């Protein structure tokens, strides 16, 4: 039995957001004292032109402001994605806004992009020892709740301008269900305009900074085949560097027996695994290996991580599984994926 297994009942006796903050602060202290230094097996892969030491990353949302990068890095992640961050600081939705569904190994959140703003996040990256030592940082950007949807592109451009020099890659989050109308940006003309504008700005920033920072698009699991096909065509046409599949779901069928099933927000964890993996596999089939995919959604074991890989993901990301399994999940996923790589010898993108 590991330490987290012993601590979890205490953490789960606290309100979820309190436990979340307490856990991250504890992680920081343990890392500073040298009490936590988990190393994953080497499983090097180059994705988006970036050499990753292993395939296991932290998904955006856990560390919204980049405050806990070094503590989280001590868990052995091959890369850490921070955010979602918006141009201006905003409080997000009122609490409570995070709910545990323990019988389903799931969470429902409606945070609403609570964060201290992109300038604050960049300062945290600059102060991070992990970043200073070349650790791979992804910065996930979104729009402010107060920004009208028809001006959303402006917010993404501000986020990209500010984050560009400090990220190994930047993720465009248009799939959170907790900012009004945000998912409309996944549709047709809106998606075309957003991707075109971002790629144009990426080229300008590349010239300005003398380095190319890849762009990844994070999509929702609540998409039909036609929508998946349209997104695949758009990212191919605009030469996006990666797609992250997927964010949380609005579907509740698998958790209707839970007292929190009626809470507004995005459902994550075990119940989203199959749906998320199906979208990943469909996207992989449409893209035929042209654009690398990052698999996230419901990974709670090493076997789950390998299933994402089998569905077409070059990298995976963890979030909700960490709440239920703790640091052991990071190691288990890393070991399972390294074993899979040795057995399959699949070429990287």
Protein backbone atom coordinates (compact mmCIF):
# COMPACT_ATOMS: atom_id res chain seq x y z
CA UNK A 1 0.00 0.00 0.00
CA UNK A 2 1.49 3.37 -1.02
CA UNK A 3 1.35 6.62 0.91
CA UNK A 4 -1.34 8.13 -1.31
CA UNK A 5 -3.65 5.18 -0.62
CA UNK A 6 -3.33 5.97 3.09
CA UNK A 7 -3.88 9.71 2.60
CA UNK A 8 -6.79 9.48 0.17
CA UNK A 9 -9.56 8.90 2.79
CA UNK A 10 -8.44 12.07 4.59
CA UNK A 11 -8.33 14.08 1.35
CA UNK A 12 -11.73 12.75 0.28
CA UNK A 13 -13.20 13.86 3.61
CA UNK A 14 -12.48 17.47 2.57
CA UNK A 15 -14.34 19.53 -0.05
CA UNK A 16 -12.87 18.56 -3.45
CA UNK A 17 -11.34 21.94 -4.28
CA UNK A 18 -9.80 22.23 -0.80
CA UNK A 19 -8.29 18.76 -1.15
CA UNK A 20 -7.04 19.64 -4.63
CA UNK A 21 -5.14 22.70 -3.40
CA UNK A 22 -3.86 20.93 -0.28
CA UNK A 23 -2.54 18.01 -2.37
CA UNK A 24 -0.68 20.29 -4.78
CA UNK A 25 0.87 22.32 -1.97
CA UNK A 26 1.92 19.10 -0.23
CA UNK A 27 3.45 17.86 -3.46
CA UNK A 28 5.49 21.05 -3.76
CA UNK A 29 6.85 20.69 -0.22
CA UNK A 30 7.67 17.00 -0.66
CA UNK A 31 9.56 17.74 -3.88
CA UNK A 32 11.52 20.60 -2.29
CA UNK A 33 12.55 18.35 0.60
CA UNK A 34 13.65 15.63 -1.81
CA UNK A 35 11.00 13.23 -0.50
CA UNK A 36 9.47 12.72 -3.92
CA UNK A 37 11.54 11.93 -6.97
CA UNK A 38 9.79 9.39 -9.15
CA UNK A 39 11.51 8.37 -12.38
CA UNK A 40 9.75 6.74 -15.30
CA UNK A 41 11.38 4.31 -17.72
CA UNK A 42 12.99 5.99 -20.72
CA UNK A 43 10.57 5.85 -23.65
CA UNK A 44 11.84 8.63 -25.92
CA UNK A 45 9.67 9.82 -28.78
CA UNK A 46 9.68 12.87 -31.00
CA UNK A 47 6.25 14.44 -31.50
CA UNK A 48 5.58 17.87 -33.05
CA UNK A 49 9.33 18.06 -33.54
CA UNK A 50 9.83 17.94 -29.74
CA UNK A 51 11.90 15.14 -28.15
CA UNK A 52 9.90 13.77 -25.19
CA UNK A 53 11.72 11.60 -22.60
CA UNK A 54 8.60 9.50 -22.07
CA UNK A 55 5.01 9.48 -23.32
CA UNK A 56 3.15 10.36 -20.08
CA UNK A 57 2.08 13.95 -19.56
CA UNK A 58 -0.05 15.96 -17.20
CA UNK A 59 -3.28 17.23 -18.73
CA UNK A 60 -4.24 20.89 -18.51
CA UNK A 61 -6.60 21.89 -15.73
CA UNK A 62 -4.78 20.46 -12.74
CA UNK A 63 -2.29 23.34 -12.52
CA UNK A 64 -4.10 26.26 -14.08
CA UNK A 65 -1.56 28.95 -13.18
CA UNK A 66 1.71 27.03 -13.42
CA UNK A 67 2.10 27.35 -9.64
CA UNK A 68 3.02 23.70 -9.02
CA UNK A 69 5.19 22.79 -12.01
CA UNK A 70 8.20 21.58 -10.04
CA UNK A 71 6.16 19.51 -7.59
CA UNK A 72 4.29 17.81 -10.40
CA UNK A 73 7.51 17.26 -12.36
CA UNK A 74 8.80 15.18 -9.44
CA UNK A 75 6.17 12.57 -10.34
CA UNK A 76 8.18 11.73 -13.47
CA UNK A 77 6.00 13.24 -16.18
CA UNK A 78 7.60 13.51 -19.60
CA UNK A 79 5.80 16.80 -20.11
CA UNK A 80 3.47 19.11 -18.20
CA UNK A 81 0.62 21.11 -19.68
CA UNK A 82 -0.52 24.07 -17.63
CA UNK A 83 -3.62 26.27 -17.96
CA UNK A 84 -6.20 26.81 -19.28
CA UNK A 85 -5.12 30.44 -19.03
CA UNK A 86 -6.92 33.51 -20.37
CA UNK A 87 -5.60 36.98 -21.29
CA UNK A 88 -7.03 38.56 -18.16
CA UNK A 89 -7.41 37.05 -14.69
CA UNK A 90 -10.90 35.79 -13.89
CA UNK A 91 -12.44 34.06 -10.87
CA UNK A 92 -14.30 31.35 -12.78
CA UNK A 93 -17.66 30.03 -11.63
CA UNK A 94 -18.87 30.18 -8.05
CA UNK A 95 -18.03 27.36 -5.65
CA UNK A 96 -18.79 24.54 -5.25
CA UNK A 97 -17.68 23.76 -8.79
CA UNK A 98 -15.89 20.42 -8.42
CA UNK A 99 -17.68 17.20 -7.49
CA UNK A 100 -16.42 13.67 -6.84
CA UNK A 101 -18.25 10.61 -8.12
CA UNK A 102 -16.14 8.00 -6.29
CA UNK A 103 -18.16 4.93 -7.25
CA UNK A 104 -17.36 5.80 -10.87
CA UNK A 105 -13.77 7.09 -10.42
CA UNK A 106 -15.04 10.32 -11.94
CA UNK A 107 -15.26 14.08 -11.41
CA UNK A 108 -17.63 16.77 -12.61
CA UNK A 109 -16.17 20.25 -12.81
CA UNK A 110 -17.47 23.61 -13.85
CA UNK A 111 -14.44 25.72 -12.95
CA UNK A 112 -14.93 28.10 -15.84
CA UNK A 113 -11.27 28.87 -16.60
CA UNK A 114 -10.49 30.31 -13.17
CA UNK A 115 -6.94 31.66 -13.44
CA UNK A 116 -4.68 34.60 -12.66
CA UNK A 117 -4.07 35.57 -16.27
CA UNK A 118 -1.45 34.69 -18.87
CA UNK A 119 1.18 37.17 -17.62
CA UNK A 120 1.13 35.56 -14.17
CA UNK A 121 1.40 32.08 -15.67
CA UNK A 122 4.41 33.07 -17.78
CA UNK A 123 6.13 34.41 -14.66
CA UNK A 124 5.59 31.06 -12.95
CA UNK A 125 7.10 29.22 -15.91
CA UNK A 126 10.13 31.50 -15.81
CA UNK A 127 10.57 30.71 -12.10
CA UNK A 128 10.24 26.94 -12.55
CA UNK A 129 13.36 24.80 -12.15
CA UNK A 130 11.80 22.14 -14.37
CA UNK A 131 11.41 24.69 -17.17
CA UNK A 132 14.90 26.10 -16.61
CA UNK A 133 16.31 22.58 -16.96
CA UNK A 134 14.59 22.08 -20.31
CA UNK A 135 11.51 20.25 -19.04
CA UNK A 136 8.75 20.23 -21.65
CA UNK A 137 5.95 22.71 -20.91
CA UNK A 138 2.72 23.02 -22.83
CA UNK A 139 0.60 26.13 -22.26
CA UNK A 140 -3.14 25.75 -22.77
CA UNK A 141 -4.96 28.97 -23.75
CA UNK A 142 -8.62 29.99 -23.80
CA UNK A 143 -10.89 33.01 -23.94
CA UNK A 144 -12.17 35.17 -21.10
CA UNK A 145 -15.78 34.62 -20.11
CA UNK A 146 -16.47 38.34 -20.64
CA UNK A 147 -15.23 38.25 -24.24
CA UNK A 148 -18.09 37.90 -26.75
CA UNK A 149 -17.82 34.73 -28.81
CA UNK A 150 -17.45 36.75 -32.00
CA UNK A 151 -14.27 38.29 -30.51
CA UNK A 152 -12.89 35.01 -29.17
CA UNK A 153 -10.11 34.92 -31.76
CA UNK A 154 -8.65 38.11 -30.28
CA UNK A 155 -8.23 36.40 -26.90
CA UNK A 156 -6.52 33.38 -28.43
CA UNK A 157 -4.11 35.63 -30.29
CA UNK A 158 -3.26 37.54 -27.09
CA UNK A 159 -2.70 34.24 -25.30
CA UNK A 160 -0.49 32.93 -28.09
CA UNK A 161 1.52 36.17 -28.29
CA UNK A 162 2.25 36.06 -24.55
CA UNK A 163 2.81 32.33 -24.12
CA UNK A 164 4.78 31.65 -27.31
CA UNK A 165 8.32 32.32 -26.12
CA UNK A 166 7.81 30.33 -22.90
CA UNK A 167 6.20 27.13 -24.20
CA UNK A 168 7.39 24.05 -26.03
CA UNK A 169 3.90 23.88 -27.52
CA UNK A 170 0.65 25.84 -27.13
CA UNK A 171 -2.77 24.18 -26.90
CA UNK A 172 -5.88 25.90 -28.19
CA UNK A 173 -8.77 24.94 -25.90
CA UNK A 174 -12.10 25.28 -27.70
CA UNK A 175 -13.69 22.28 -26.02
CA UNK A 176 -14.39 23.21 -22.40
CA UNK A 177 -18.13 22.98 -21.66
CA UNK A 178 -17.84 25.58 -18.88
CA UNK A 179 -17.40 28.79 -20.89
CA UNK A 180 -20.59 29.83 -22.64
CA UNK A 181 -20.65 29.05 -26.39
CA UNK A 182 -16.97 28.03 -26.42
CA UNK A 183 -17.64 24.72 -28.16
CA UNK A 184 -19.28 26.61 -31.02
CA UNK A 185 -15.71 27.42 -32.09
CA UNK A 186 -15.37 23.77 -33.15
CA UNK A 187 -17.89 24.37 -35.92
CA UNK A 188 -17.25 25.14 -39.62
CA UNK A 189 -16.62 28.83 -40.34
CA UNK A 190 -15.70 29.67 -36.74
CA UNK A 191 -13.09 26.90 -36.68
CA UNK A 192 -11.72 27.95 -40.07
CA UNK A 193 -11.26 31.56 -39.00
CA UNK A 194 -9.68 30.63 -35.68
CA UNK A 195 -7.19 28.14 -37.09
CA UNK A 196 -6.23 30.39 -40.00
CA UNK A 197 -5.63 33.35 -37.70
CA UNK A 198 -3.57 31.30 -35.26
CA UNK A 199 -1.37 29.75 -37.94
CA UNK A 200 -0.71 33.16 -39.45
CA UNK A 201 0.28 34.52 -36.02
CA UNK A 202 2.40 31.44 -35.33
CA UNK A 203 4.43 32.17 -38.47
CA UNK A 204 4.98 35.78 -37.45
CA UNK A 205 6.01 34.76 -33.93
CA UNK A 206 8.34 32.13 -35.32
CA UNK A 207 10.11 34.78 -37.36
CA UNK A 208 10.17 37.18 -34.41
CA UNK A 209 11.54 34.72 -31.83
CA UNK A 210 13.64 32.59 -34.12
CA UNK A 211 11.94 29.37 -33.03
CA UNK A 212 8.91 27.36 -34.08
CA UNK A 213 6.43 26.57 -31.29
CA UNK A 214 3.86 23.95 -32.35
CA UNK A 215 0.12 24.43 -31.95
CA UNK A 216 -2.20 21.68 -30.69
CA UNK A 217 -6.01 21.76 -30.84
CA UNK A 218 -7.96 20.26 -27.93
CA UNK A 219 -11.36 18.87 -28.90
CA UNK A 220 -14.44 17.54 -27.13
CA UNK A 221 -15.59 13.92 -26.94
CA UNK A 222 -19.18 14.95 -27.77
CA UNK A 223 -18.69 14.91 -31.55
CA UNK A 224 -20.36 12.86 -34.26
CA UNK A 225 -18.55 11.38 -37.26
CA UNK A 226 -19.29 14.35 -39.49
CA UNK A 227 -17.88 16.77 -36.92
CA UNK A 228 -14.78 14.63 -36.46
CA UNK A 229 -14.31 14.52 -40.22
CA UNK A 230 -14.65 18.32 -40.46
CA UNK A 231 -12.13 18.89 -37.66
CA UNK A 232 -9.69 16.44 -39.24
CA UNK A 233 -9.98 18.27 -42.57
CA UNK A 234 -9.51 21.67 -40.90
CA UNK A 235 -6.40 20.73 -38.91
CA UNK A 236 -4.91 19.12 -42.00
CA UNK A 237 -5.71 22.13 -44.17
CA UNK A 238 -4.22 24.58 -41.69
CA UNK A 239 -1.25 22.35 -40.88
CA UNK A 240 -1.89 22.20 -37.14
CA UNK A 241 0.84 20.35 -35.30
CA UNK A 242 -1.24 18.03 -33.09
CA UNK A 243 -4.73 17.30 -31.79
CA UNK A 244 -5.52 16.49 -28.16
CA UNK A 245 -8.49 14.14 -27.82
CA UNK A 246 -10.39 14.75 -25.62
CA UNK A 247 -11.75 17.16 -23.06
CA UNK A 248 -14.61 16.34 -20.65
CA UNK A 249 -18.07 15.17 -21.68
CA UNK A 250 -21.58 16.50 -21.09
CA UNK A 251 -22.95 12.95 -21.31
CA UNK A 252 -24.30 11.54 -18.03
CA UNK A 253 -25.72 8.12 -19.00
CA UNK A 254 -22.99 6.16 -17.20
CA UNK A 255 -23.34 8.02 -13.89
CA UNK A 256 -27.10 8.55 -13.53
CA UNK A 257 -27.10 6.59 -10.25
CA UNK A 258 -24.79 9.14 -8.63
CA UNK A 259 -26.23 11.98 -6.50
CA UNK A 260 -24.03 14.48 -8.39
CA UNK A 261 -25.12 13.33 -11.86
CA UNK A 262 -27.31 16.41 -12.28
CA UNK A 263 -24.50 18.89 -11.65
CA UNK A 264 -23.71 21.18 -14.58
CA UNK A 265 -20.20 20.81 -15.95
CA UNK A 266 -17.82 18.44 -17.67
CA UNK A 267 -17.59 14.79 -16.61
CA UNK A 268 -14.09 13.29 -16.53
CA UNK A 269 -12.57 10.02 -15.42
CA UNK A 270 -13.47 6.41 -16.08
CA UNK A 271 -16.93 7.07 -17.62
CA UNK A 272 -15.42 9.15 -20.45
CA UNK A 273 -12.75 6.60 -21.40
CA UNK A 274 -14.64 4.69 -24.09
CA UNK A 275 -16.15 7.77 -25.72
CA UNK A 276 -12.89 9.67 -25.67
CA UNK A 277 -10.96 6.72 -27.09
CA UNK A 278 -13.54 6.24 -29.85
CA UNK A 279 -13.11 9.89 -30.93
CA UNK A 280 -9.33 9.42 -30.82
CA UNK A 281 -9.52 6.31 -33.01
CA UNK A 282 -11.90 7.96 -35.49
CA UNK A 283 -9.65 10.99 -35.75
CA UNK A 284 -6.62 8.76 -36.25
CA UNK A 285 -8.40 6.98 -39.10
CA UNK A 286 -9.32 10.31 -40.76
CA UNK A 287 -5.84 11.78 -40.41
CA UNK A 288 -4.05 8.60 -41.47
CA UNK A 289 -1.03 9.45 -39.36
CA UNK A 290 -0.49 12.90 -40.91
CA UNK A 291 -0.90 14.78 -37.62
CA UNK A 292 0.11 13.36 -34.22
CA UNK A 293 -2.53 12.79 -31.57
CA UNK A 294 -2.38 13.10 -27.79
CA UNK A 295 -4.82 10.85 -25.94
CA UNK A 296 -6.50 11.99 -22.75
CA UNK A 297 -9.73 11.04 -21.03
CA UNK A 298 -10.38 8.37 -18.42
CA UNK A 299 -6.92 6.84 -18.10
CA UNK A 300 -6.92 5.02 -14.77
CA UNK A 301 -4.36 2.27 -15.40
CA UNK A 302 -1.40 1.29 -17.50
CA UNK A 303 -3.72 -0.80 -19.63
CA UNK A 304 -5.84 2.28 -20.35
CA UNK A 305 -2.75 4.22 -21.41
CA UNK A 306 -1.78 1.45 -23.83
CA UNK A 307 -5.34 1.43 -25.21
CA UNK A 308 -4.99 5.14 -26.06
CA UNK A 309 -1.72 4.35 -27.79
CA UNK A 310 -3.35 1.52 -29.72
CA UNK A 311 -6.11 3.93 -30.80
CA UNK A 312 -3.53 6.24 -32.36
CA UNK A 313 -2.08 8.42 -29.60
CA UNK A 314 1.65 9.13 -29.60
CA UNK A 315 1.45 10.70 -26.14
CA UNK A 316 -1.07 10.44 -23.28
CA UNK A 317 -2.13 12.78 -20.50
CA UNK A 318 -3.49 12.13 -17.01
CA UNK A 319 -5.78 14.11 -14.76
CA UNK A 320 -8.74 12.52 -12.96
CA UNK A 321 -6.96 9.19 -12.59
CA UNK A 322 -4.36 11.00 -10.47
CA UNK A 323 -7.07 12.04 -8.02
CA UNK A 324 -8.09 8.42 -7.52
CA UNK A 325 -4.76 6.59 -7.93
CA UNK A 326 -2.11 9.18 -7.04
CA UNK A 327 1.53 9.11 -8.19
CA UNK A 328 1.46 5.33 -8.72
CA UNK A 329 -0.63 5.86 -11.85
CA UNK A 330 2.10 7.96 -13.48
CA UNK A 331 4.66 5.19 -13.00
CA UNK A 332 2.23 2.43 -14.04
CA UNK A 333 1.32 4.27 -17.24
CA UNK A 334 4.97 5.00 -18.02
CA UNK A 335 6.02 1.39 -17.50
CA UNK A 336 3.13 0.02 -19.57
CA UNK A 337 3.81 2.39 -22.47
CA UNK A 338 7.55 1.71 -22.43
CA UNK A 339 6.81 -2.02 -22.51
CA UNK A 340 4.39 -1.49 -25.39
CA UNK A 341 7.01 0.50 -27.31
CA UNK A 342 9.59 -2.27 -26.89
CA UNK A 343 7.10 -4.86 -28.09
CA UNK A 344 5.73 -2.94 -31.05
CA UNK A 345 8.70 -0.86 -32.28
CA UNK A 346 6.23 1.58 -33.82
CA UNK A 347 7.87 4.57 -35.53
CA UNK A 348 7.18 7.99 -34.01
CA UNK A 349 5.77 11.02 -35.83
